[in-house]
Protein backbone atom coordinates (compact mmCIF):
# COMPACT_ATOMS: atom_id res chain seq x y z
CA MET A 1 19.58 22.15 46.12
CA GLU A 2 18.59 25.80 45.88
CA LYS A 3 20.86 28.78 45.59
CA ASP A 4 20.67 31.21 48.51
CA ASN A 5 19.69 34.82 47.88
CA PHE A 6 20.19 36.79 51.07
CA ALA A 7 20.50 40.32 49.69
CA ASP A 8 18.66 41.84 52.66
CA GLY A 9 19.71 39.28 55.22
CA LYS A 10 16.56 37.19 54.84
CA PRO A 11 16.28 33.84 53.05
CA ARG A 12 14.50 34.07 49.71
CA ARG A 13 13.14 31.47 47.35
CA SER A 14 15.49 31.32 44.40
CA GLN A 15 16.67 29.12 41.57
CA VAL A 16 16.76 25.37 41.96
CA VAL A 17 19.56 23.05 40.91
CA ASP A 18 18.44 19.50 40.15
CA LEU A 19 20.32 16.68 41.79
CA PRO A 20 21.90 14.14 39.41
CA LYS A 21 19.51 11.90 37.53
CA SER A 22 21.13 8.89 39.17
CA THR A 23 19.97 10.05 42.60
CA SER A 24 17.09 7.88 43.83
CA GLY A 25 13.65 9.46 43.96
CA ALA A 26 13.24 9.27 47.73
CA ALA A 27 16.73 10.66 48.37
CA ARG A 28 16.29 13.43 45.85
CA ILE A 29 12.93 14.55 47.23
CA SER A 30 14.13 14.45 50.84
CA ASN A 31 17.14 16.58 49.89
CA MET A 32 15.12 19.31 48.16
CA ALA A 33 15.86 22.48 50.10
CA GLU A 34 12.84 24.59 51.06
CA LEU A 35 14.08 28.11 51.70
CA GLY A 36 11.59 30.74 52.84
CA ARG A 37 8.66 28.40 53.33
CA MET A 38 5.32 30.04 52.56
CA SER A 39 3.13 30.63 55.60
CA ILE A 40 -0.47 29.51 55.91
CA GLU A 41 -1.51 33.16 55.72
CA GLU A 42 0.41 33.62 52.47
CA MET A 43 -1.14 30.49 50.99
CA ALA A 44 -4.62 31.61 51.99
CA GLU A 45 -4.01 35.05 50.47
CA ARG A 46 -2.93 33.42 47.19
CA ARG A 47 -5.89 30.98 47.31
CA ILE A 48 -3.64 27.91 47.46
CA VAL A 49 -4.87 24.70 49.08
CA TYR A 50 -3.06 23.35 52.12
CA PRO A 51 -3.63 20.63 54.75
CA GLY A 52 -5.92 21.75 57.54
CA MET A 53 -7.47 24.62 55.58
CA PRO A 54 -10.95 25.61 56.78
CA ASN A 55 -12.61 24.97 53.40
CA LYS A 56 -12.27 21.19 53.25
CA GLU A 57 -14.53 21.00 50.19
CA VAL A 58 -12.06 22.89 47.99
CA LEU A 59 -9.13 20.82 49.23
CA ASN A 60 -10.98 17.55 48.66
CA THR A 61 -12.09 18.67 45.19
CA PHE A 62 -8.49 19.15 44.12
CA ARG A 63 -7.51 15.85 45.72
CA GLU A 64 -10.20 14.14 43.67
CA LEU A 65 -8.93 15.88 40.51
CA ARG A 66 -5.46 14.56 41.29
CA THR A 67 -6.84 11.04 41.77
CA GLN A 68 -8.68 11.12 38.45
CA LEU A 69 -5.63 12.45 36.59
CA LEU A 70 -3.43 9.74 38.10
CA LYS A 71 -5.91 7.09 36.95
CA LEU A 72 -5.97 8.51 33.43
CA GLY A 73 -2.19 8.68 33.39
CA GLY A 74 -1.76 5.14 34.61
CA ASN A 75 -0.18 6.43 37.83
CA SER A 76 2.86 7.54 35.83
CA ASN A 77 4.20 11.08 35.75
CA MET A 78 2.75 13.20 32.99
CA VAL A 79 2.47 16.60 31.35
CA ILE A 80 -0.90 18.20 32.15
CA MET A 81 -2.01 21.31 30.30
CA VAL A 82 -4.66 23.55 31.81
CA THR A 83 -6.41 25.78 29.30
CA SER A 84 -9.72 27.57 28.93
CA LEU A 85 -12.20 29.00 26.46
CA ALA A 86 -11.79 32.62 27.52
CA ASP A 87 -9.48 35.01 29.34
CA LYS A 88 -9.74 35.26 33.13
CA ALA A 89 -11.40 31.86 33.36
CA GLY A 90 -9.35 30.71 36.36
CA THR A 91 -6.73 28.53 34.67
CA SER A 92 -3.93 29.82 36.91
CA PHE A 93 -6.03 29.09 40.00
CA ILE A 94 -6.63 25.53 38.76
CA SER A 95 -3.00 25.04 37.65
CA THR A 96 -1.53 26.31 40.91
CA ASN A 97 -3.76 24.16 43.08
CA LEU A 98 -3.23 21.06 40.97
CA GLY A 99 0.48 21.58 41.48
CA ALA A 100 0.00 22.17 45.20
CA VAL A 101 -2.15 19.07 45.68
CA PHE A 102 0.30 16.85 43.74
CA ALA A 103 3.06 18.21 45.99
CA LEU A 104 1.09 17.26 49.13
CA ASP A 105 2.18 13.69 48.38
CA LYS A 106 5.69 13.38 49.82
CA THR A 107 6.61 10.86 47.10
CA LYS A 108 5.83 13.30 44.27
CA THR A 109 7.02 16.69 43.03
CA ALA A 110 5.22 19.17 40.81
CA LEU A 111 6.55 21.77 38.41
CA LEU A 112 4.30 24.60 37.25
CA ILE A 113 5.27 26.14 33.90
CA ASP A 114 3.76 29.50 33.00
CA CYS A 115 3.00 29.35 29.26
CA ASN A 116 0.41 32.12 29.24
CA LEU A 117 2.27 34.88 27.41
CA TYR A 118 -0.78 37.15 27.41
CA ASP A 119 -1.70 36.96 31.08
CA PRO A 120 1.16 35.43 33.11
CA SER A 121 0.48 35.08 36.81
CA LEU A 122 2.65 32.37 38.36
CA GLU A 123 5.26 34.89 39.50
CA LYS A 124 2.93 35.57 42.42
CA LEU A 125 4.30 32.34 43.90
CA LEU A 126 7.77 33.87 44.17
CA ASP A 127 9.15 36.44 46.59
CA VAL A 128 12.02 37.33 44.28
CA GLU A 129 12.01 38.98 40.87
CA PRO A 130 12.98 36.12 38.55
CA ASP A 131 16.04 36.74 36.41
CA TYR A 132 14.91 34.38 33.67
CA GLY A 133 11.90 32.36 32.61
CA LEU A 134 10.65 29.97 29.97
CA THR A 135 10.83 32.31 26.98
CA ASP A 136 14.33 33.46 27.96
CA TYR A 137 15.44 29.82 27.96
CA LEU A 138 13.86 29.24 24.55
CA ALA A 139 15.44 32.38 23.10
CA GLU A 140 18.91 32.10 24.64
CA GLU A 141 20.80 28.84 24.21
CA LYS A 142 23.34 29.86 26.86
CA LEU A 143 20.71 29.36 29.56
CA ASP A 144 20.36 26.06 31.38
CA VAL A 145 17.14 24.52 32.67
CA ASN A 146 18.32 25.17 36.23
CA ASP A 147 18.44 28.91 35.50
CA ILE A 148 14.66 29.13 35.17
CA ILE A 149 13.31 26.78 37.88
CA TYR A 150 12.36 28.52 41.13
CA ALA A 151 11.29 27.29 44.54
CA THR A 152 7.86 28.48 45.62
CA GLY A 153 8.03 28.09 49.38
CA ILE A 154 5.61 25.17 49.10
CA PRO A 155 7.38 21.85 49.72
CA ARG A 156 8.06 19.90 46.51
CA LEU A 157 6.41 22.54 44.29
CA ARG A 158 8.54 24.44 41.78
CA VAL A 159 7.69 27.03 39.14
CA VAL A 160 9.05 28.22 35.80
CA PRO A 161 7.91 31.84 35.20
CA VAL A 162 7.00 33.01 31.72
CA GLY A 163 10.13 35.11 31.12
CA THR A 164 10.68 38.35 29.24
CA HIS A 165 10.59 37.28 25.57
CA THR A 166 6.85 37.13 24.99
CA GLU A 167 6.57 38.57 21.50
CA VAL A 168 6.72 35.39 19.37
CA GLY A 169 5.25 32.69 21.54
CA ALA A 170 3.96 30.40 18.82
CA GLU A 171 7.41 30.19 17.24
CA TYR A 172 9.04 29.47 20.60
CA PHE A 173 6.57 26.77 21.58
CA SER A 174 6.81 24.98 18.23
CA SER A 175 10.61 24.87 18.39
CA ALA A 176 12.72 21.74 18.91
CA ARG A 177 14.17 23.40 22.02
CA MET A 178 10.71 23.58 23.60
CA ALA A 179 9.96 19.93 22.80
CA GLY A 180 13.33 18.92 24.24
CA PHE A 181 12.73 21.05 27.34
CA ILE A 182 9.42 19.34 28.12
CA GLU A 183 10.78 15.87 27.39
CA ASN A 184 13.85 16.47 29.56
CA LEU A 185 11.78 17.68 32.51
CA LYS A 186 9.32 14.81 32.23
CA THR A 187 11.82 11.98 31.85
CA ARG A 188 14.51 13.20 34.24
CA TYR A 189 12.54 12.12 37.32
CA PRO A 190 9.62 9.65 37.37
CA ASP A 191 8.03 11.42 40.35
CA ARG A 192 7.82 14.83 38.65
CA TYR A 193 4.45 16.05 37.34
CA LEU A 194 4.48 18.96 34.89
CA ILE A 195 1.57 21.38 34.77
CA LEU A 196 1.37 23.87 31.92
CA ASP A 197 -0.66 27.01 32.59
CA ALA A 198 -1.72 27.79 29.01
CA PRO A 199 -3.62 30.61 27.29
CA PRO A 200 -7.17 30.03 26.03
CA ILE A 201 -7.29 27.35 23.36
CA GLY A 202 -10.04 29.01 21.40
CA VAL A 203 -8.09 32.18 20.63
CA SER A 204 -4.38 31.29 20.66
CA ALA A 205 -2.11 29.24 18.44
CA GLU A 206 0.16 28.72 21.44
CA ALA A 207 -2.40 26.60 23.29
CA ARG A 208 -2.94 24.38 20.27
CA ILE A 209 0.81 23.84 19.95
CA LEU A 210 1.15 23.08 23.68
CA THR A 211 -1.60 20.49 23.38
CA GLU A 212 0.74 18.40 21.21
CA LEU A 213 3.37 18.50 23.97
CA SER A 214 0.93 17.38 26.68
CA ASP A 215 -0.27 13.98 27.81
CA LEU A 216 -3.56 15.25 29.23
CA VAL A 217 -5.50 18.50 28.92
CA VAL A 218 -7.88 19.99 31.49
CA LEU A 219 -10.37 22.42 29.95
CA VAL A 220 -11.67 25.19 32.23
CA VAL A 221 -15.08 26.53 31.19
CA PRO A 222 -16.09 29.85 32.78
CA TYR A 223 -19.67 29.51 33.94
CA GLY A 224 -22.14 31.52 31.87
CA ARG A 225 -19.54 33.01 29.48
CA VAL A 226 -19.45 30.48 26.63
CA ASN A 227 -21.92 28.39 24.70
CA GLU A 228 -22.18 24.71 23.93
CA ALA A 229 -20.80 25.11 20.40
CA GLN A 230 -17.63 26.76 21.74
CA VAL A 231 -17.11 23.94 24.21
CA ALA A 232 -17.59 21.34 21.48
CA ALA A 233 -15.12 23.12 19.22
CA ALA A 234 -12.50 23.22 21.99
CA VAL A 235 -12.99 19.53 22.76
CA ASP A 236 -12.55 18.76 19.06
CA THR A 237 -9.34 20.81 18.94
CA ILE A 238 -7.90 19.07 22.00
CA GLY A 239 -8.93 15.60 20.90
CA GLU A 240 -10.73 13.00 22.97
CA ASP A 241 -7.52 11.03 23.53
CA ARG A 242 -5.94 13.95 25.39
CA LEU A 243 -8.94 15.55 27.07
CA ALA A 244 -8.87 14.66 30.77
CA GLY A 245 -12.07 16.50 31.56
CA ILE A 246 -13.90 19.79 31.82
CA ILE A 247 -14.00 21.98 34.91
CA PHE A 248 -16.86 24.48 35.17
CA ASN A 249 -15.53 27.44 37.13
CA ASN A 250 -17.66 30.25 38.51
């Protein structure tokens, strides 16, 4: 259930408290509170897919991506990293909409985790200023996982913002606490799909570290901004066993 935050008399999307692990999947999902549900206009403004949207091609493209990822993952929940070869390549757009399309399925939940310390953007899904985020959790052992998970206003979609401690990302992401965090979130519920919005793999140690924590990696290639050798190098870094596919984004 989510904690209320009615400072100005209006419901706001705030932190989420997970139900006990023993709670069945169907019961847990049906009991997820959805305060301050995002309107169609808000979703359109943020370029988030939704049922009934005018551009059916975009919606169906993300549905097909979901289908292919589920096949690759054996229809089990998984950790999916979305990375790129350059800044501003559209990884947050891809990450957000993968999360949204997974959450369209009423038997599944999605959790977006902002791991892009250099260009965080998932806070745009919130209508509150987050108190804590991922790097705060990694830096401060007093924090609990529930302190950094926020409702988005999109049913069954949650987000972990990047946090305020962004100065030593590589050290945070290679820590045992980070590995335990990912493993806990993945194994706690079999219907939960984790999507990591990562920095470019070609220029950051953080992305290479996060690859090791992921089951599958989606590589976003900005159209006309990189060459074939750069793509090949990124594929080699990711490894063919983890590479889910390449998305050319214009």
